Structures are given as C-alpha cells and as structure tokens.
Amino acid sequence: MILQIVKDTSHIFSMIVSSCFRKVVGKRILMIGLFVSMRLFEADAMVEMLMRMLNNI
C-alpha cells in the first residue's frame, strides 16, 4: 500500500520535473536562438555598413 503511494508520488513528481525541465530548456533554446539570430543580423548590418563605406571611398 505505502509502496504504491510512493511509486505514484514519485511518478507524478518526475512528470512535473520533466515538464518544468522541458519548459526551461525550451526557453533557454529560444533565448539562444534569438541571441544568435540577433548577432547574425548585427553582423550582416556591420558588413553592409562596411561595404557602403568602401563604396563611398
């Protein structure tokens, strides 16, 4: 009886932990993706500015 309760609670606990973990990891991946894309965009803008400056010279 007690073993069954422990099993159930541990199962529920692991489910909660895994769902929270997935949420956190998903947010982390989204943030990293946004950061990387912003960085790439920034690099693109920098290259564009450099090309314009070179063209003006």
N, C-alpha and C. Protein backbone atom coordinates (compact mmCIF):
# COMPACT_ATOMS: atom_id res chain seq x y z
N MET A 1 0.84 -1.20 0.00
CA MET A 1 0.00 0.00 0.00
C MET A 1 0.88 1.25 0.00
N ILE A 2 1.75 1.37 0.99
CA ILE A 2 2.63 2.54 1.10
C ILE A 2 3.56 2.60 -0.11
N LEU A 3 4.08 1.44 -0.52
CA LEU A 3 4.95 1.38 -1.69
C LEU A 3 4.24 1.93 -2.92
N GLN A 4 2.96 1.57 -3.08
CA GLN A 4 2.18 2.04 -4.23
C GLN A 4 2.04 3.57 -4.20
N ILE A 5 1.79 4.12 -3.01
CA ILE A 5 1.67 5.57 -2.86
C ILE A 5 2.98 6.24 -3.23
N VAL A 6 4.08 5.68 -2.74
CA VAL A 6 5.40 6.24 -3.03
C VAL A 6 5.67 6.20 -4.53
N LYS A 7 5.33 5.08 -5.15
CA LYS A 7 5.52 4.96 -6.60
C LYS A 7 4.72 6.02 -7.34
N ASP A 8 3.45 6.18 -6.95
CA ASP A 8 2.59 7.16 -7.61
C ASP A 8 3.14 8.58 -7.44
N THR A 9 3.50 8.93 -6.20
CA THR A 9 4.00 10.28 -5.95
C THR A 9 5.31 10.54 -6.70
N SER A 10 6.18 9.53 -6.73
CA SER A 10 7.45 9.72 -7.43
C SER A 10 7.21 9.87 -8.93
N HIS A 11 6.23 9.13 -9.45
CA HIS A 11 5.89 9.23 -10.87
C HIS A 11 5.37 10.63 -11.20
N ILE A 12 4.45 11.12 -10.35
CA ILE A 12 3.89 12.47 -10.55
C ILE A 12 5.00 13.51 -10.45
N PHE A 13 5.86 13.34 -9.43
CA PHE A 13 6.96 14.28 -9.22
C PHE A 13 7.89 14.31 -10.43
N SER A 14 8.22 13.13 -10.95
CA SER A 14 9.12 13.07 -12.12
C SER A 14 8.46 13.70 -13.34
N MET A 15 7.14 13.51 -13.47
CA MET A 15 6.42 14.12 -14.59
C MET A 15 6.49 15.64 -14.49
N ILE A 16 6.24 16.17 -13.27
CA ILE A 16 6.29 17.62 -13.05
C ILE A 16 7.69 18.15 -13.35
N VAL A 17 8.71 17.46 -12.83
CA VAL A 17 10.10 17.89 -13.03
C VAL A 17 10.44 17.90 -14.51
N SER A 18 10.03 16.84 -15.22
CA SER A 18 10.37 16.75 -16.65
C SER A 18 9.65 17.85 -17.44
N SER A 19 8.40 18.16 -17.07
CA SER A 19 7.68 19.21 -17.79
C SER A 19 8.32 20.58 -17.52
N CYS A 20 8.70 20.82 -16.27
CA CYS A 20 9.37 22.08 -15.93
C CYS A 20 10.71 22.17 -16.66
N PHE A 21 11.44 21.05 -16.67
CA PHE A 21 12.74 20.99 -17.33
C PHE A 21 12.58 21.33 -18.81
N ARG A 22 11.54 20.73 -19.44
CA ARG A 22 11.29 20.98 -20.86
C ARG A 22 10.99 22.46 -21.10
N LYS A 23 10.17 23.04 -20.23
CA LYS A 23 9.83 24.47 -20.36
C LYS A 23 11.09 25.33 -20.27
N VAL A 24 11.90 25.04 -19.24
CA VAL A 24 13.12 25.83 -19.02
C VAL A 24 14.07 25.67 -20.20
N VAL A 25 14.29 24.43 -20.62
CA VAL A 25 15.20 24.16 -21.73
C VAL A 25 14.68 24.81 -23.01
N GLY A 26 13.35 24.72 -23.22
CA GLY A 26 12.75 25.34 -24.39
C GLY A 26 12.98 26.84 -24.40
N LYS A 27 12.78 27.47 -23.24
CA LYS A 27 13.01 28.92 -23.12
C LYS A 27 14.47 29.24 -23.37
N ARG A 28 15.36 28.42 -22.81
CA ARG A 28 16.79 28.64 -22.97
C ARG A 28 17.16 28.55 -24.45
N ILE A 29 16.64 27.52 -25.13
CA ILE A 29 16.93 27.34 -26.56
C ILE A 29 16.39 28.52 -27.37
N LEU A 30 15.18 28.98 -27.02
CA LEU A 30 14.59 30.13 -27.71
C LEU A 30 15.47 31.36 -27.53
N MET A 31 15.90 31.58 -26.28
CA MET A 31 16.74 32.75 -26.00
C MET A 31 18.05 32.68 -26.78
N ILE A 32 18.67 31.50 -26.78
CA ILE A 32 19.93 31.32 -27.50
C ILE A 32 19.71 31.55 -28.99
N GLY A 33 18.60 31.02 -29.51
CA GLY A 33 18.27 31.19 -30.93
C GLY A 33 18.09 32.66 -31.27
N LEU A 34 17.35 33.38 -30.42
CA LEU A 34 17.13 34.81 -30.63
C LEU A 34 18.46 35.56 -30.58
N PHE A 35 19.28 35.22 -29.60
CA PHE A 35 20.58 35.88 -29.43
C PHE A 35 21.45 35.67 -30.66
N VAL A 36 21.50 34.41 -31.12
CA VAL A 36 22.32 34.07 -32.29
C VAL A 36 21.80 34.79 -33.53
N SER A 37 20.49 34.78 -33.72
CA SER A 37 19.93 35.44 -34.90
C SER A 37 20.18 36.95 -34.85
N MET A 38 20.07 37.53 -33.63
CA MET A 38 20.36 38.96 -33.49
C MET A 38 21.81 39.23 -33.83
N ARG A 39 22.70 38.36 -33.36
CA ARG A 39 24.12 38.51 -33.62
C ARG A 39 24.40 38.43 -35.12
N LEU A 40 23.77 37.44 -35.77
CA LEU A 40 23.96 37.28 -37.22
C LEU A 40 23.45 38.51 -37.95
N PHE A 41 22.27 39.00 -37.52
CA PHE A 41 21.68 40.18 -38.14
C PHE A 41 22.61 41.39 -37.96
N GLU A 42 23.14 41.51 -36.75
CA GLU A 42 24.06 42.59 -36.43
C GLU A 42 25.29 42.50 -37.34
N ALA A 43 25.81 41.29 -37.48
CA ALA A 43 26.99 41.08 -38.33
C ALA A 43 26.66 41.47 -39.77
N ASP A 44 25.46 41.08 -40.23
CA ASP A 44 25.02 41.45 -41.57
C ASP A 44 24.99 42.96 -41.73
N ALA A 45 24.43 43.64 -40.74
CA ALA A 45 24.33 45.10 -40.80
C ALA A 45 25.73 45.72 -40.83
N MET A 46 26.64 45.16 -40.03
CA MET A 46 28.01 45.67 -39.99
C MET A 46 28.69 45.50 -41.35
N VAL A 47 28.51 44.33 -41.95
CA VAL A 47 29.09 44.07 -43.27
C VAL A 47 28.52 45.06 -44.29
N GLU A 48 27.22 45.26 -44.21
CA GLU A 48 26.56 46.20 -45.13
C GLU A 48 27.15 47.61 -44.97
N MET A 49 27.31 48.03 -43.72
CA MET A 49 27.88 49.36 -43.45
C MET A 49 29.31 49.45 -44.00
N LEU A 50 30.10 48.41 -43.78
CA LEU A 50 31.48 48.39 -44.28
C LEU A 50 31.50 48.49 -45.79
N MET A 51 30.61 47.74 -46.45
CA MET A 51 30.55 47.77 -47.91
C MET A 51 30.20 49.17 -48.39
N ARG A 52 29.25 49.82 -47.72
CA ARG A 52 28.85 51.18 -48.10
C ARG A 52 30.02 52.14 -47.94
N MET A 53 30.73 52.00 -46.80
CA MET A 53 31.89 52.87 -46.54
C MET A 53 32.94 52.67 -47.62
N LEU A 54 33.18 51.40 -47.99
CA LEU A 54 34.17 51.10 -49.03
C LEU A 54 33.73 51.68 -50.37
N ASN A 55 32.44 51.60 -50.63
CA ASN A 55 31.92 52.15 -51.89
C ASN A 55 32.05 53.67 -51.92
N ASN A 56 31.90 54.31 -50.76
CA ASN A 56 31.99 55.77 -50.70
C ASN A 56 33.41 56.27 -50.90
N ILE A 57 34.37 55.43 -50.52
CA ILE A 57 35.79 55.86 -50.64
C ILE A 57 36.19 55.96 -52.11
